């Protein structure tokens, strides 16, 4: 059994989505972590910000940050789901060193 590690995920969703829709997306990703035995310390929407450069035709996006603890294979699955999601413009998952 892989021991749990701490991670931070930051992702940008489409700017035209309502706050409720952004929250649904955040809850879906949080659910994926919890279904696989991980725990989410905090997850929340930052705000809509102008992007440093255009990504996929978008000049701004809603930023969401999530701190979680999970086994090593969960971030790979989370990244896969974010990659295939039509609402996620860009994502990054970082391992937090102790």
N, C-alpha and C. Protein backbone atom coordinates (compact mmCIF):
# COMPACT_ATOMS: atom_id res chain seq x y z
N UNK A 1 0.85 -1.20 0.00
CA UNK A 1 0.00 0.00 0.00
C UNK A 1 0.88 1.25 0.00
N UNK A 2 0.64 2.10 -0.91
CA UNK A 2 1.38 3.36 -1.02
C UNK A 2 0.95 4.30 0.10
N UNK A 3 1.93 4.94 0.74
CA UNK A 3 1.55 5.87 1.81
C UNK A 3 1.04 7.18 1.21
N UNK A 4 0.16 7.81 1.95
CA UNK A 4 -0.42 9.05 1.46
C UNK A 4 0.58 10.19 1.47
N UNK A 5 0.50 11.02 0.46
CA UNK A 5 1.34 12.21 0.35
C UNK A 5 0.44 13.41 0.20
N UNK A 6 1.01 14.59 0.45
CA UNK A 6 0.24 15.82 0.31
C UNK A 6 0.44 16.41 -1.08
N UNK A 7 -0.64 16.91 -1.64
CA UNK A 7 -0.62 17.50 -2.98
C UNK A 7 -1.40 18.81 -2.99
N UNK A 8 -1.07 19.63 -3.96
CA UNK A 8 -1.83 20.84 -4.21
C UNK A 8 -2.19 20.84 -5.69
N UNK A 9 -3.46 21.05 -5.97
CA UNK A 9 -3.93 21.10 -7.35
C UNK A 9 -4.48 22.50 -7.62
N UNK A 10 -4.04 23.07 -8.72
CA UNK A 10 -4.57 24.35 -9.16
C UNK A 10 -5.08 24.14 -10.57
N UNK A 11 -6.32 24.52 -10.80
CA UNK A 11 -6.84 24.40 -12.16
C UNK A 11 -7.68 25.61 -12.51
N UNK A 12 -7.77 25.85 -13.81
CA UNK A 12 -8.49 27.00 -14.34
C UNK A 12 -9.66 26.48 -15.16
N UNK A 13 -10.85 26.97 -14.83
CA UNK A 13 -12.03 26.57 -15.59
C UNK A 13 -12.53 27.75 -16.41
N UNK A 14 -13.37 27.46 -17.38
CA UNK A 14 -13.86 28.47 -18.32
C UNK A 14 -14.45 29.68 -17.59
N UNK A 15 -14.19 30.88 -18.09
CA UNK A 15 -14.63 32.11 -17.39
C UNK A 15 -16.14 32.33 -17.42
N UNK A 16 -16.84 31.76 -18.40
CA UNK A 16 -18.27 32.03 -18.49
C UNK A 16 -19.12 31.18 -17.54
N UNK A 17 -18.50 30.25 -16.83
CA UNK A 17 -19.26 29.40 -15.91
C UNK A 17 -19.70 30.18 -14.67
N UNK A 18 -20.91 29.92 -14.23
CA UNK A 18 -21.44 30.54 -13.01
C UNK A 18 -20.74 29.93 -11.79
N UNK A 19 -20.77 30.64 -10.67
CA UNK A 19 -20.13 30.15 -9.45
C UNK A 19 -20.64 28.76 -9.06
N UNK A 20 -21.94 28.52 -9.23
CA UNK A 20 -22.52 27.22 -8.89
C UNK A 20 -21.92 26.10 -9.76
N UNK A 21 -21.69 26.41 -11.05
CA UNK A 21 -21.10 25.41 -11.95
C UNK A 21 -19.64 25.13 -11.59
N UNK A 22 -18.92 26.18 -11.22
CA UNK A 22 -17.52 26.01 -10.79
C UNK A 22 -17.48 25.15 -9.54
N UNK A 23 -18.42 25.38 -8.62
CA UNK A 23 -18.48 24.60 -7.39
C UNK A 23 -18.80 23.13 -7.68
N UNK A 24 -19.67 22.87 -8.66
CA UNK A 24 -19.99 21.48 -9.05
C UNK A 24 -18.74 20.76 -9.56
N UNK A 25 -17.95 21.47 -10.35
CA UNK A 25 -16.71 20.89 -10.88
C UNK A 25 -15.75 20.59 -9.74
N UNK A 26 -15.59 21.55 -8.82
CA UNK A 26 -14.70 21.37 -7.66
C UNK A 26 -15.18 20.18 -6.81
N UNK A 27 -16.49 20.07 -6.61
CA UNK A 27 -17.03 18.96 -5.82
C UNK A 27 -16.80 17.62 -6.51
N UNK A 28 -16.89 17.61 -7.85
CA UNK A 28 -16.67 16.37 -8.60
C UNK A 28 -15.23 15.88 -8.41
N UNK A 29 -14.25 16.79 -8.52
CA UNK A 29 -12.85 16.39 -8.36
C UNK A 29 -12.56 16.00 -6.90
N UNK A 30 -13.18 16.72 -5.96
CA UNK A 30 -13.03 16.39 -4.54
C UNK A 30 -13.58 14.98 -4.29
N UNK A 31 -14.71 14.66 -4.92
CA UNK A 31 -15.32 13.34 -4.77
C UNK A 31 -14.43 12.22 -5.29
N UNK A 32 -13.72 12.48 -6.38
CA UNK A 32 -12.80 11.48 -6.95
C UNK A 32 -11.72 11.12 -5.92
N UNK A 33 -11.17 12.13 -5.28
CA UNK A 33 -10.12 11.89 -4.27
C UNK A 33 -10.68 11.10 -3.10
N UNK A 34 -11.85 11.51 -2.61
CA UNK A 34 -12.44 10.84 -1.45
C UNK A 34 -12.88 9.41 -1.76
N UNK A 35 -13.36 9.16 -2.99
CA UNK A 35 -13.76 7.81 -3.40
C UNK A 35 -12.57 6.84 -3.36
N UNK A 36 -11.39 7.36 -3.65
CA UNK A 36 -10.19 6.51 -3.70
C UNK A 36 -9.42 6.53 -2.37
N UNK A 37 -10.06 6.97 -1.29
CA UNK A 37 -9.45 6.89 0.03
C UNK A 37 -8.60 8.09 0.42
N UNK A 38 -8.60 9.15 -0.37
CA UNK A 38 -7.85 10.34 -0.01
C UNK A 38 -8.69 11.30 0.82
N UNK A 39 -8.05 12.33 1.33
CA UNK A 39 -8.77 13.35 2.09
C UNK A 39 -8.44 14.72 1.52
N UNK A 40 -9.45 15.57 1.45
CA UNK A 40 -9.27 16.93 0.95
C UNK A 40 -9.22 17.87 2.14
N UNK A 41 -8.08 18.57 2.29
CA UNK A 41 -7.93 19.50 3.40
C UNK A 41 -8.72 20.77 3.15
N UNK A 42 -8.57 21.32 1.95
CA UNK A 42 -9.36 22.49 1.60
C UNK A 42 -9.48 22.57 0.08
N UNK A 43 -10.60 23.10 -0.35
CA UNK A 43 -10.85 23.27 -1.78
C UNK A 43 -11.71 24.51 -1.93
N UNK A 44 -11.33 25.37 -2.84
CA UNK A 44 -12.15 26.56 -3.01
C UNK A 44 -11.78 27.34 -4.25
N UNK A 45 -12.75 28.11 -4.69
CA UNK A 45 -12.57 28.97 -5.85
C UNK A 45 -11.85 30.23 -5.40
N UNK A 46 -10.84 30.62 -6.15
CA UNK A 46 -10.22 31.91 -5.90
C UNK A 46 -11.13 32.96 -6.50
N UNK A 47 -10.87 33.34 -7.69
CA UNK A 47 -11.75 34.27 -8.39
C UNK A 47 -11.41 34.25 -9.87
N UNK A 48 -12.16 35.03 -10.63
CA UNK A 48 -11.90 35.11 -12.06
C UNK A 48 -10.73 36.07 -12.25
N UNK A 49 -9.74 35.63 -13.00
CA UNK A 49 -8.55 36.46 -13.23
C UNK A 49 -8.19 36.47 -14.70
N UNK A 50 -7.52 37.52 -15.08
CA UNK A 50 -6.99 37.64 -16.44
C UNK A 50 -5.77 36.73 -16.53
N UNK A 51 -5.70 35.95 -17.60
CA UNK A 51 -4.57 35.04 -17.79
C UNK A 51 -3.36 35.81 -18.32
N UNK A 52 -2.18 35.33 -18.03
CA UNK A 52 -0.94 35.97 -18.49
C UNK A 52 -0.86 35.91 -20.02
N UNK A 53 -1.41 34.85 -20.60
CA UNK A 53 -1.44 34.69 -22.06
C UNK A 53 -2.68 33.87 -22.40
N UNK A 54 -3.09 33.94 -23.63
CA UNK A 54 -4.29 33.26 -24.08
C UNK A 54 -4.09 31.74 -24.06
N UNK A 55 -5.07 31.04 -23.50
CA UNK A 55 -5.05 29.58 -23.47
C UNK A 55 -6.34 29.10 -24.13
N UNK A 56 -6.21 28.34 -25.20
CA UNK A 56 -7.36 27.75 -25.90
C UNK A 56 -8.43 28.81 -26.22
N UNK A 57 -7.99 30.01 -26.58
CA UNK A 57 -8.92 31.07 -26.96
C UNK A 57 -9.48 31.87 -25.79
N UNK A 58 -9.06 31.55 -24.58
CA UNK A 58 -9.56 32.26 -23.39
C UNK A 58 -8.51 33.25 -22.89
N UNK A 59 -8.97 34.43 -22.48
CA UNK A 59 -8.09 35.45 -21.92
C UNK A 59 -8.23 35.58 -20.41
N UNK A 60 -9.26 34.94 -19.84
CA UNK A 60 -9.43 34.90 -18.39
C UNK A 60 -10.05 33.57 -17.99
N UNK A 61 -10.00 33.28 -16.69
CA UNK A 61 -10.53 32.01 -16.22
C UNK A 61 -10.79 32.04 -14.73
N UNK A 62 -11.58 31.09 -14.26
CA UNK A 62 -11.86 30.93 -12.83
C UNK A 62 -10.82 29.98 -12.24
N UNK A 63 -10.07 30.47 -11.26
CA UNK A 63 -9.03 29.65 -10.63
C UNK A 63 -9.62 28.89 -9.44
N UNK A 64 -9.26 27.61 -9.34
CA UNK A 64 -9.70 26.78 -8.21
C UNK A 64 -8.45 26.10 -7.64
N UNK A 65 -8.33 26.12 -6.31
CA UNK A 65 -7.19 25.49 -5.65
C UNK A 65 -7.71 24.42 -4.70
N UNK A 66 -6.98 23.30 -4.63
CA UNK A 66 -7.38 22.21 -3.76
C UNK A 66 -6.14 21.58 -3.14
N UNK A 67 -6.13 21.48 -1.81
CA UNK A 67 -5.06 20.79 -1.09
C UNK A 67 -5.61 19.46 -0.62
N UNK A 68 -4.87 18.38 -0.90
CA UNK A 68 -5.37 17.06 -0.52
C UNK A 68 -4.23 16.12 -0.18
N UNK A 69 -4.62 15.02 0.48
CA UNK A 69 -3.67 13.97 0.85
C UNK A 69 -4.19 12.69 0.22
N UNK A 70 -3.32 11.98 -0.49
CA UNK A 70 -3.78 10.79 -1.21
C UNK A 70 -2.61 9.87 -1.54
N UNK A 71 -2.95 8.65 -1.94
CA UNK A 71 -1.95 7.69 -2.41
C UNK A 71 -1.41 8.15 -3.76
N UNK A 72 -0.26 7.66 -4.14
CA UNK A 72 0.45 8.11 -5.33
C UNK A 72 -0.27 8.02 -6.66
N UNK A 73 -1.19 7.05 -6.80
CA UNK A 73 -1.85 6.89 -8.10
C UNK A 73 -3.04 7.83 -8.29
N UNK A 74 -3.55 8.40 -7.22
CA UNK A 74 -4.73 9.27 -7.32
C UNK A 74 -4.47 10.56 -8.11
N UNK A 75 -3.34 11.25 -7.89
CA UNK A 75 -3.10 12.45 -8.71
C UNK A 75 -3.05 12.15 -10.22
N UNK A 76 -2.57 10.96 -10.59
CA UNK A 76 -2.56 10.58 -12.02
C UNK A 76 -3.98 10.47 -12.56
N UNK A 77 -4.86 9.85 -11.79
CA UNK A 77 -6.25 9.71 -12.20
C UNK A 77 -6.94 11.07 -12.24
N UNK A 78 -6.67 11.91 -11.25
CA UNK A 78 -7.25 13.26 -11.20
C UNK A 78 -6.78 14.07 -12.41
N UNK A 79 -5.52 13.98 -12.73
CA UNK A 79 -4.97 14.69 -13.89
C UNK A 79 -5.63 14.21 -15.18
N UNK A 80 -5.84 12.90 -15.29
CA UNK A 80 -6.50 12.34 -16.48
C UNK A 80 -7.92 12.90 -16.62
N UNK A 81 -8.65 12.95 -15.51
CA UNK A 81 -10.02 13.46 -15.55
C UNK A 81 -10.06 14.95 -15.88
N UNK A 82 -9.10 15.71 -15.37
CA UNK A 82 -9.04 17.14 -15.66
C UNK A 82 -8.70 17.37 -17.14
N UNK A 83 -7.83 16.53 -17.67
CA UNK A 83 -7.42 16.66 -19.07
C UNK A 83 -8.59 16.43 -20.03
N UNK A 84 -9.48 15.48 -19.70
CA UNK A 84 -10.59 15.19 -20.60
C UNK A 84 -11.83 16.04 -20.32
N UNK A 85 -11.81 16.82 -19.25
CA UNK A 85 -12.95 17.69 -18.93
C UNK A 85 -12.98 18.88 -19.89
N UNK A 86 -14.14 19.14 -20.48
CA UNK A 86 -14.28 20.26 -21.40
C UNK A 86 -14.21 21.61 -20.68
N UNK A 87 -14.51 21.62 -19.37
CA UNK A 87 -14.56 22.89 -18.63
C UNK A 87 -13.20 23.33 -18.09
N UNK A 88 -12.25 22.41 -17.98
CA UNK A 88 -10.93 22.75 -17.43
C UNK A 88 -10.01 23.20 -18.57
N UNK A 89 -9.52 24.45 -18.45
CA UNK A 89 -8.63 25.02 -19.47
C UNK A 89 -7.20 24.53 -19.26
N UNK A 90 -6.75 24.57 -18.00
CA UNK A 90 -5.36 24.21 -17.66
C UNK A 90 -5.35 23.69 -16.23
N UNK A 91 -4.48 22.74 -15.94
CA UNK A 91 -4.37 22.23 -14.56
C UNK A 91 -2.94 21.86 -14.23
N UNK A 92 -2.63 21.88 -12.96
CA UNK A 92 -1.34 21.44 -12.44
C UNK A 92 -1.57 20.78 -11.09
N UNK A 93 -0.84 19.69 -10.82
CA UNK A 93 -0.88 19.04 -9.53
C UNK A 93 0.55 18.95 -9.02
N UNK A 94 0.78 19.49 -7.84
CA UNK A 94 2.11 19.54 -7.25
C UNK A 94 2.17 18.66 -6.02
N UNK A 95 3.28 17.92 -5.88
CA UNK A 95 3.51 17.16 -4.65
C UNK A 95 4.17 18.12 -3.66
N UNK A 96 3.63 18.18 -2.44
CA UNK A 96 4.18 19.06 -1.41
C UNK A 96 5.17 18.26 -0.59
N UNK A 97 6.41 18.70 -0.57
CA UNK A 97 7.44 18.02 0.21
C UNK A 97 7.31 18.40 1.69
N UNK A 98 7.61 17.44 2.57
CA UNK A 98 7.52 17.72 4.01
C UNK A 98 8.61 18.65 4.47
